[in-house]
Amino acid sequence: MKNAKRGVERIKKVILQDKTGAPEQVLAVLKSDLYELLDGYFEVNPQSVSLEVEVDEYGFYRIAIGAKAFRVRAVGRGE
């Protein structure tokens, strides 16, 4: 009975991920938009911008964003 319950939970997770999986094109656009946003405040290394989107067993999205910046831009100086 426990194995059947675990199997059902795994199937639910797979179905949720398949239905809500973000295509590579969408992720690429989101990464580009994130870079543009962050670059307004920081000197960001464009290759360091990372984005992961996953769906948990309850259907909630987990979005992990990462980036490396060299420094903070001065606000109001047009840098």
PDB file of N, CA and C in Angstrom:
ATOM      1  N   MET A   1       0.817  -1.190   0.000  1.00  0.00           N
ATOM      2  CA  MET A   1       0.000   0.000   0.000  1.00  0.00           C
ATOM      3  C   MET A   1       0.867   1.262   0.000  1.00  0.00           C
ATOM      4  N   LYS A   2       1.960   1.229   0.779  1.00  0.00           N
ATOM      5  CA  LYS A   2       2.854   2.388   0.830  1.00  0.00           C
ATOM      6  C   LYS A   2       3.488   2.652  -0.528  1.00  0.00           C
ATOM      7  N   ASN A   3       3.882   1.579  -1.210  1.00  0.00           N
ATOM      8  CA  ASN A   3       4.507   1.738  -2.528  1.00  0.00           C
ATOM      9  C   ASN A   3       3.536   2.344  -3.534  1.00  0.00           C
ATOM     10  N   ALA A   4       2.273   1.936  -3.450  1.00  0.00           N
ATOM     11  CA  ALA A   4       1.265   2.479  -4.362  1.00  0.00           C
ATOM     12  C   ALA A   4       1.064   3.959  -4.097  1.00  0.00           C
ATOM     13  N   LYS A   5       1.035   4.340  -2.835  1.00  0.00           N
ATOM     14  CA  LYS A   5       0.857   5.746  -2.464  1.00  0.00           C
ATOM     15  C   LYS A   5       2.042   6.587  -2.956  1.00  0.00           C
ATOM     16  N   ARG A   6       3.244   6.068  -2.787  1.00  0.00           N
ATOM     17  CA  ARG A   6       4.441   6.770  -3.274  1.00  0.00           C
ATOM     18  C   ARG A   6       4.419   6.889  -4.791  1.00  0.00           C
ATOM     19  N   GLY A   7       3.973   5.834  -5.455  1.00  0.00           N
ATOM     20  CA  GLY A   7       3.885   5.855  -6.918  1.00  0.00           C
ATOM     21  C   GLY A   7       2.907   6.913  -7.410  1.00  0.00           C
ATOM     22  N   VAL A   8       1.785   7.023  -6.733  1.00  0.00           N
ATOM     23  CA  VAL A   8       0.786   8.032  -7.103  1.00  0.00           C
ATOM     24  C   VAL A   8       1.370   9.427  -6.914  1.00  0.00           C
ATOM     25  N   GLU A   9       2.064   9.644  -5.816  1.00  0.00           N
ATOM     26  CA  GLU A   9       2.682  10.957  -5.558  1.00  0.00           C
ATOM     27  C   GLU A   9       3.722  11.295  -6.630  1.00  0.00           C
ATOM     28  N   ARG A  10       4.521  10.308  -7.020  1.00  0.00           N
ATOM     29  CA  ARG A  10       5.517  10.527  -8.083  1.00  0.00           C
ATOM     30  C   ARG A  10       4.846  10.869  -9.404  1.00  0.00           C
ATOM     31  N   ILE A  11       3.778  10.160  -9.734  1.00  0.00           N
ATOM     32  CA  ILE A  11       3.055  10.423 -10.978  1.00  0.00           C
ATOM     33  C   ILE A  11       2.471  11.832 -10.960  1.00  0.00           C
ATOM     34  N   LYS A  12       1.888  12.251  -9.827  1.00  0.00           N
ATOM     35  CA  LYS A  12       1.354  13.610  -9.702  1.00  0.00           C
ATOM     36  C   LYS A  12       2.444  14.642  -9.976  1.00  0.00           C
ATOM     37  N   LYS A  13       3.603  14.418  -9.376  1.00  0.00           N
ATOM     38  CA  LYS A  13       4.709  15.366  -9.537  1.00  0.00           C
ATOM     39  C   LYS A  13       5.150  15.446 -10.995  1.00  0.00           C
ATOM     40  N   VAL A  14       5.275  14.318 -11.649  1.00  0.00           N
ATOM     41  CA  VAL A  14       5.693  14.282 -13.054  1.00  0.00           C
ATOM     42  C   VAL A  14       4.668  15.010 -13.922  1.00  0.00           C
ATOM     43  N   ILE A  15       3.381  14.746 -13.681  1.00  0.00           N
ATOM     44  CA  ILE A  15       2.331  15.403 -14.468  1.00  0.00           C
ATOM     45  C   ILE A  15       2.373  16.903 -14.257  1.00  0.00           C
ATOM     46  N   LEU A  16       2.515  17.351 -13.004  1.00  0.00           N
ATOM     47  CA  LEU A  16       2.589  18.784 -12.726  1.00  0.00           C
ATOM     48  C   LEU A  16       3.786  19.410 -13.424  1.00  0.00           C
ATOM     49  N   GLN A  17       4.927  18.750 -13.372  1.00  0.00           N
ATOM     50  CA  GLN A  17       6.117  19.299 -14.010  1.00  0.00           C
ATOM     51  C   GLN A  17       5.961  19.348 -15.521  1.00  0.00           C
ATOM     52  N   ASP A  18       5.346  18.328 -16.104  1.00  0.00           N
ATOM     53  CA  ASP A  18       5.133  18.324 -17.547  1.00  0.00           C
ATOM     54  C   ASP A  18       4.182  19.431 -17.975  1.00  0.00           C
ATOM     55  N   LYS A  19       3.128  19.653 -17.195  1.00  0.00           N
ATOM     56  CA  LYS A  19       2.135  20.659 -17.546  1.00  0.00           C
ATOM     57  C   LYS A  19       2.664  22.078 -17.365  1.00  0.00           C
ATOM     58  N   THR A  20       3.546  22.263 -16.414  1.00  0.00           N
ATOM     59  CA  THR A  20       3.984  23.620 -16.077  1.00  0.00           C
ATOM     60  C   THR A  20       5.451  23.853 -16.380  1.00  0.00           C
ATOM     61  N   GLY A  21       6.129  22.909 -16.981  1.00  0.00           N
ATOM     62  CA  GLY A  21       7.541  23.077 -17.287  1.00  0.00           C
ATOM     63  C   GLY A  21       7.769  24.264 -18.207  1.00  0.00           C
ATOM     64  N   ALA A  22       8.725  25.095 -17.860  1.00  0.00           N
ATOM     65  CA  ALA A  22       9.001  26.285 -18.662  1.00  0.00           C
ATOM     66  C   ALA A  22       9.882  25.903 -19.846  1.00  0.00           C
ATOM     67  N   PRO A  23       9.424  26.167 -21.069  1.00  0.00           N
ATOM     68  CA  PRO A  23      10.258  25.884 -22.239  1.00  0.00           C
ATOM     69  C   PRO A  23      11.539  26.714 -22.219  1.00  0.00           C
ATOM     70  N   GLU A  24      12.533  26.234 -22.893  1.00  0.00           N
ATOM     71  CA  GLU A  24      13.838  26.913 -22.917  1.00  0.00           C
ATOM     72  C   GLU A  24      13.736  28.343 -23.437  1.00  0.00           C
ATOM     73  N   GLN A  25      12.867  28.586 -24.413  1.00  0.00           N
ATOM     74  CA  GLN A  25      12.728  29.949 -24.954  1.00  0.00           C
ATOM     75  C   GLN A  25      12.211  30.908 -23.901  1.00  0.00           C
ATOM     76  N   VAL A  26      11.248  30.455 -23.092  1.00  0.00           N
ATOM     77  CA  VAL A  26      10.705  31.301 -22.029  1.00  0.00           C
ATOM     78  C   VAL A  26      11.793  31.598 -20.997  1.00  0.00           C
ATOM     79  N   LEU A  27      12.558  30.582 -20.628  1.00  0.00           N
ATOM     80  CA  LEU A  27      13.647  30.787 -19.666  1.00  0.00           C
ATOM     81  C   LEU A  27      14.691  31.754 -20.211  1.00  0.00           C
ATOM     82  N   ALA A  28      14.999  31.662 -21.480  1.00  0.00           N
ATOM     83  CA  ALA A  28      15.983  32.567 -22.085  1.00  0.00           C
ATOM     84  C   ALA A  28      15.491  34.009 -22.045  1.00  0.00           C
ATOM     85  N   VAL A  29      14.216  34.223 -22.333  1.00  0.00           N
ATOM     86  CA  VAL A  29      13.654  35.579 -22.286  1.00  0.00           C
ATOM     87  C   VAL A  29      13.657  36.096 -20.854  1.00  0.00           C
ATOM     88  N   LEU A  30      13.263  35.257 -19.905  1.00  0.00           N
ATOM     89  CA  LEU A  30      13.266  35.671 -18.500  1.00  0.00           C
ATOM     90  C   LEU A  30      14.670  36.032 -18.022  1.00  0.00           C
ATOM     91  N   LYS A  31      15.668  35.215 -18.407  1.00  0.00           N
ATOM     92  CA  LYS A  31      17.052  35.520 -18.023  1.00  0.00           C
ATOM     93  C   LYS A  31      17.503  36.850 -18.606  1.00  0.00           C
ATOM     94  N   SER A  32      17.139  37.112 -19.841  1.00  0.00           N
ATOM     95  CA  SER A  32      17.495  38.374 -20.476  1.00  0.00           C
ATOM     96  C   SER A  32      16.841  39.549 -19.755  1.00  0.00           C
ATOM     97  N   ASP A  33      15.558  39.410 -19.432  1.00  0.00           N
ATOM     98  CA  ASP A  33      14.855  40.463 -18.704  1.00  0.00           C
ATOM     99  C   ASP A  33      15.455  40.685 -17.318  1.00  0.00           C
ATOM    100  N   LEU A  34      15.816  39.598 -16.647  1.00  0.00           N
ATOM    101  CA  LEU A  34      16.444  39.724 -15.328  1.00  0.00           C
ATOM    102  C   LEU A  34      17.772  40.454 -15.420  1.00  0.00           C
ATOM    103  N   TYR A  35      18.547  40.103 -16.447  1.00  0.00           N
ATOM    104  CA  TYR A  35      19.828  40.793 -16.631  1.00  0.00           C
ATOM    105  C   TYR A  35      19.607  42.291 -16.812  1.00  0.00           C
ATOM    106  N   GLU A  36      18.670  42.669 -17.665  1.00  0.00           N
ATOM    107  CA  GLU A  36      18.389  44.091 -17.911  1.00  0.00           C
ATOM    108  C   GLU A  36      17.969  44.797 -16.627  1.00  0.00           C
ATOM    109  N   LEU A  37      17.131  44.159 -15.849  1.00  0.00           N
ATOM    110  CA  LEU A  37      16.673  44.751 -14.594  1.00  0.00           C
ATOM    111  C   LEU A  37      17.834  44.922 -13.613  1.00  0.00           C
ATOM    112  N   LEU A  38      18.585  43.854 -13.389  1.00  0.00           N
ATOM    113  CA  LEU A  38      19.692  43.903 -12.432  1.00  0.00           C
ATOM    114  C   LEU A  38      20.783  44.859 -12.884  1.00  0.00           C
ATOM    115  N   ASP A  39      21.012  44.932 -14.190  1.00  0.00           N
ATOM    116  CA  ASP A  39      22.076  45.786 -14.717  1.00  0.00           C
ATOM    117  C   ASP A  39      21.792  47.275 -14.483  1.00  0.00           C
ATOM    118  N   GLY A  40      20.559  47.610 -14.220  1.00  0.00           N
ATOM    119  CA  GLY A  40      20.242  48.988 -13.878  1.00  0.00           C
ATOM    120  C   GLY A  40      20.743  49.372 -12.487  1.00  0.00           C
ATOM    121  N   TYR A  41      21.000  48.395 -11.648  1.00  0.00           N
ATOM    122  CA  TYR A  41      21.412  48.633 -10.260  1.00  0.00           C
ATOM    123  C   TYR A  41      22.817  48.132  -9.949  1.00  0.00           C
ATOM    124  N   PHE A  42      23.294  47.167 -10.722  1.00  0.00           N
ATOM    125  CA  PHE A  42      24.598  46.550 -10.487  1.00  0.00           C
ATOM    126  C   PHE A  42      25.341  46.406 -11.806  1.00  0.00           C
ATOM    127  N   GLU A  43      26.661  46.288 -11.729  1.00  0.00           N
ATOM    128  CA  GLU A  43      27.443  45.862 -12.895  1.00  0.00           C
ATOM    129  C   GLU A  43      27.439  44.348 -12.860  1.00  0.00           C
ATOM    130  N   VAL A  44      26.590  43.761 -13.671  1.00  0.00           N
ATOM    131  CA  VAL A  44      26.342  42.321 -13.643  1.00  0.00           C
ATOM    132  C   VAL A  44      27.125  41.627 -14.751  1.00  0.00           C
ATOM    133  N   ASN A  45      27.687  40.479 -14.418  1.00  0.00           N
ATOM    134  CA  ASN A  45      28.302  39.611 -15.420  1.00  0.00           C
ATOM    135  C   ASN A  45      27.152  38.877 -16.115  1.00  0.00           C
ATOM    136  N   PRO A  46      26.891  39.150 -17.409  1.00  0.00           N
ATOM    137  CA  PRO A  46      25.736  38.536 -18.092  1.00  0.00           C
ATOM    138  C   PRO A  46      25.759  37.012 -18.076  1.00  0.00           C
ATOM    139  N   GLN A  47      26.935  36.408 -18.132  1.00  0.00           N
ATOM    140  CA  GLN A  47      27.025  34.945 -18.142  1.00  0.00           C
ATOM    141  C   GLN A  47      26.708  34.339 -16.777  1.00  0.00           C
ATOM    142  N   SER A  48      26.700  35.158 -15.738  1.00  0.00           N
ATOM    143  CA  SER A  48      26.458  34.627 -14.396  1.00  0.00           C
ATOM    144  C   SER A  48      24.977  34.547 -14.044  1.00  0.00           C
ATOM    145  N   VAL A  49      24.122  35.153 -14.854  1.00  0.00           N
ATOM    146  CA  VAL A  49      22.692  35.155 -14.548  1.00  0.00           C
ATOM    147  C   VAL A  49      22.141  33.738 -14.735  1.00  0.00           C
ATOM    148  N   SER A  50      21.524  33.217 -13.672  1.00  0.00           N
ATOM    149  CA  SER A  50      20.945  31.875 -13.743  1.00  0.00           C
ATOM    150  C   SER A  50      19.495  31.926 -13.275  1.00  0.00           C
ATOM    151  N   LEU A  51      18.705  31.010 -13.799  1.00  0.00           N
ATOM    152  CA  LEU A  51      17.290  30.960 -13.476  1.00  0.00           C
ATOM    153  C   LEU A  51      16.831  29.514 -13.530  1.00  0.00           C
ATOM    154  N   GLU A  52      16.184  29.081 -12.462  1.00  0.00           N
ATOM    155  CA  GLU A  52      15.605  27.736 -12.417  1.00  0.00           C
ATOM    156  C   GLU A  52      14.154  27.856 -12.001  1.00  0.00           C
ATOM    157  N   VAL A  53      13.277  27.171 -12.694  1.00  0.00           N
ATOM    158  CA  VAL A  53      11.861  27.158 -12.350  1.00  0.00           C
ATOM    159  C   VAL A  53      11.448  25.702 -12.180  1.00  0.00           C
ATOM    160  N   GLU A  54      10.916  25.382 -11.006  1.00  0.00           N
ATOM    161  CA  GLU A  54      10.434  24.030 -10.723  1.00  0.00           C
ATOM    162  C   GLU A  54       9.049  24.128 -10.113  1.00  0.00           C
ATOM    163  N   VAL A  55       8.325  23.041 -10.159  1.00  0.00           N
ATOM    164  CA  VAL A  55       7.003  22.966  -9.546  1.00  0.00           C
ATOM    165  C   VAL A  55       7.056  21.902  -8.461  1.00  0.00           C
ATOM    166  N   ASP A  56       6.559  22.258  -7.260  1.00  0.00           N
ATOM    167  CA  ASP A  56       6.571  21.269  -6.187  1.00  0.00           C
ATOM    168  C   ASP A  56       5.335  20.370  -6.269  1.00  0.00           C
ATOM    169  N   GLU A  57       5.224  19.440  -5.329  1.00  0.00           N
ATOM    170  CA  GLU A  57       4.134  18.469  -5.375  1.00  0.00           C
ATOM    171  C   GLU A  57       2.754  19.089  -5.162  1.00  0.00           C
ATOM    172  N   TYR A  58       2.718  20.348  -4.703  1.00  0.00           N
ATOM    173  CA  TYR A  58       1.447  21.040  -4.489  1.00  0.00           C
ATOM    174  C   TYR A  58       1.085  21.960  -5.655  1.00  0.00           C
ATOM    175  N   GLY A  59       1.959  22.040  -6.646  1.00  0.00           N
ATOM    176  CA  GLY A  59       1.695  22.885  -7.803  1.00  0.00           C
ATOM    177  C   GLY A  59       2.237  24.303  -7.668  1.00  0.00           C
ATOM    178  N   PHE A  60       3.005  24.566  -6.598  1.00  0.00           N
ATOM    179  CA  PHE A  60       3.611  25.883  -6.416  1.00  0.00           C
ATOM    180  C   PHE A  60       4.932  25.952  -7.174  1.00  0.00           C
ATOM    181  N   TYR A  61       5.210  27.111  -7.727  1.00  0.00           N
ATOM    182  CA  TYR A  61       6.468  27.315  -8.451  1.00  0.00           C
ATOM    183  C   TYR A  61       7.576  27.673  -7.475  1.00  0.00           C
ATOM    184  N   ARG A  62       8.739  27.088  -7.694  1.00  0.00           N
ATOM    185  CA  ARG A  62       9.939  27.484  -6.964  1.00  0.00           C
ATOM    186  C   ARG A  62      10.835  28.126  -8.007  1.00  0.00           C
ATOM    187  N   ILE A  63      11.150  29.401  -7.801  1.00  0.00           N
ATOM    188  CA  ILE A  63      11.947  30.148  -8.764  1.00  0.00           C
ATOM    189  C   ILE A  63      13.247  30.548  -8.077  1.00  0.00           C
ATOM    190  N   ALA A  64      14.353  30.075  -8.611  1.00  0.00           N
ATOM    191  CA  ALA A  64      15.670  30.393  -8.060  1.00  0.00           C
ATOM    192  C   ALA A  64      16.415  31.267  -9.061  1.00  0.00           C
ATOM    193  N   ILE A  65      16.850  32.433  -8.585  1.00  0.00           N
ATOM    194  CA  ILE A  65      17.555  33.397  -9.430  1.00  0.00           C
ATOM    195  C   ILE A  65      18.935  33.633  -8.839  1.00  0.00           C
ATOM    196  N   GLY A  66      19.932  33.665  -9.691  1.00  0.00           N
ATOM    197  CA  GLY A  66      21.291  33.938  -9.239  1.00  0.00           C
ATOM    198  C   GLY A  66      22.011  34.828 -10.231  1.00  0.00           C
ATOM    199  N   ALA A  67      22.944  35.619  -9.718  1.00  0.00           N
ATOM    200  CA  ALA A  67      23.768  36.471 -10.584  1.00  0.00           C
ATOM    201  C   ALA A  67      24.975  36.943  -9.786  1.00  0.00           C
ATOM    202  N   LYS A  68      26.039  37.275 -10.506  1.00  0.00           N
ATOM    203  CA  LYS A  68      27.227  37.855  -9.887  1.00  0.00           C
ATOM    204  C   LYS A  68      27.405  39.266 -10.412  1.00  0.00           C
ATOM    205  N   ALA A  69      27.662  40.179  -9.487  1.00  0.00           N
ATOM    206  CA  ALA A  69      27.861  41.576  -9.866  1.00  0.00           C
ATOM    207  C   ALA A  69      29.228  42.048  -9.389  1.00  0.00           C
ATOM    208  N   PHE A  70      29.808  42.980 -10.167  1.00  0.00           N
ATOM    209  CA  PHE A  70      31.114  43.525  -9.822  1.00  0.00           C
ATOM    210  C   PHE A  70      30.989  44.638  -8.785  1.00  0.00           C
ATOM    211  N   ARG A  71      29.930  45.434  -8.929  1.00  0.00           N
ATOM    212  CA  ARG A  71      29.718  46.532  -7.984  1.00  0.00           C
ATOM    213  C   ARG A  71      28.290  47.042  -8.121  1.00  0.00           C
ATOM    214  N   VAL A  72      27.900  47.864  -7.148  1.00  0.00           N
ATOM    215  CA  VAL A  72      26.592  48.509  -7.169  1.00  0.00           C
ATOM    216  C   VAL A  72      26.738  49.802  -7.949  1.00  0.00           C
ATOM    217  N   ARG A  73      25.778  50.087  -8.807  1.00  0.00           N
ATOM    218  CA  ARG A  73      25.804  51.336  -9.566  1.00  0.00           C
ATOM    219  C   ARG A  73      25.325  52.474  -8.676  1.00  0.00           C
ATOM    220  N   ALA A  74      25.880  53.659  -8.890  1.00  0.00           N
ATOM    221  CA  ALA A  74      25.450  54.838  -8.157  1.00  0.00           C
ATOM    222  C   ALA A  74      24.051  55.233  -8.618  1.00  0.00           C
ATOM    223  N   VAL A  75      23.161  55.489  -7.708  1.00  0.00           N
ATOM    224  CA  VAL A  75      21.795  55.850  -8.041  1.00  0.00           C
ATOM    225  C   VAL A  75      21.740  57.325  -8.401  1.00  0.00           C
ATOM    226  N   GLY A  76      21.070  57.630  -9.514  1.00  0.00           N
ATOM    227  CA  GLY A  76      20.871  59.019  -9.922  1.00  0.00           C
ATOM    228  C   GLY A  76      22.050  59.672 -10.617  1.00  0.00           C
ATOM    229  N   ARG A  77      23.084  58.921 -10.933  1.00  0.00           N
ATOM    230  CA  ARG A  77      24.252  59.484 -11.619  1.00  0.00           C
ATOM    231  C   ARG A  77      24.332  59.083 -13.087  1.00  0.00           C
ATOM    232  N   GLY A  78      23.371  58.266 -13.514  1.00  0.00           N
ATOM    233  CA  GLY A  78      23.335  57.870 -14.926  1.00  0.00           C
ATOM    234  C   GLY A  78      24.445  56.936 -15.348  1.00  0.00           C
ATOM    235  N   GLU A  79      25.008  56.200 -14.411  1.00  0.00           N
ATOM    236  CA  GLU A  79      26.064  55.242 -14.762  1.00  0.00           C
ATOM    237  C   GLU A  79      25.500  54.014 -15.386  1.00  0.00           C
TER     238      GLU A  79
END
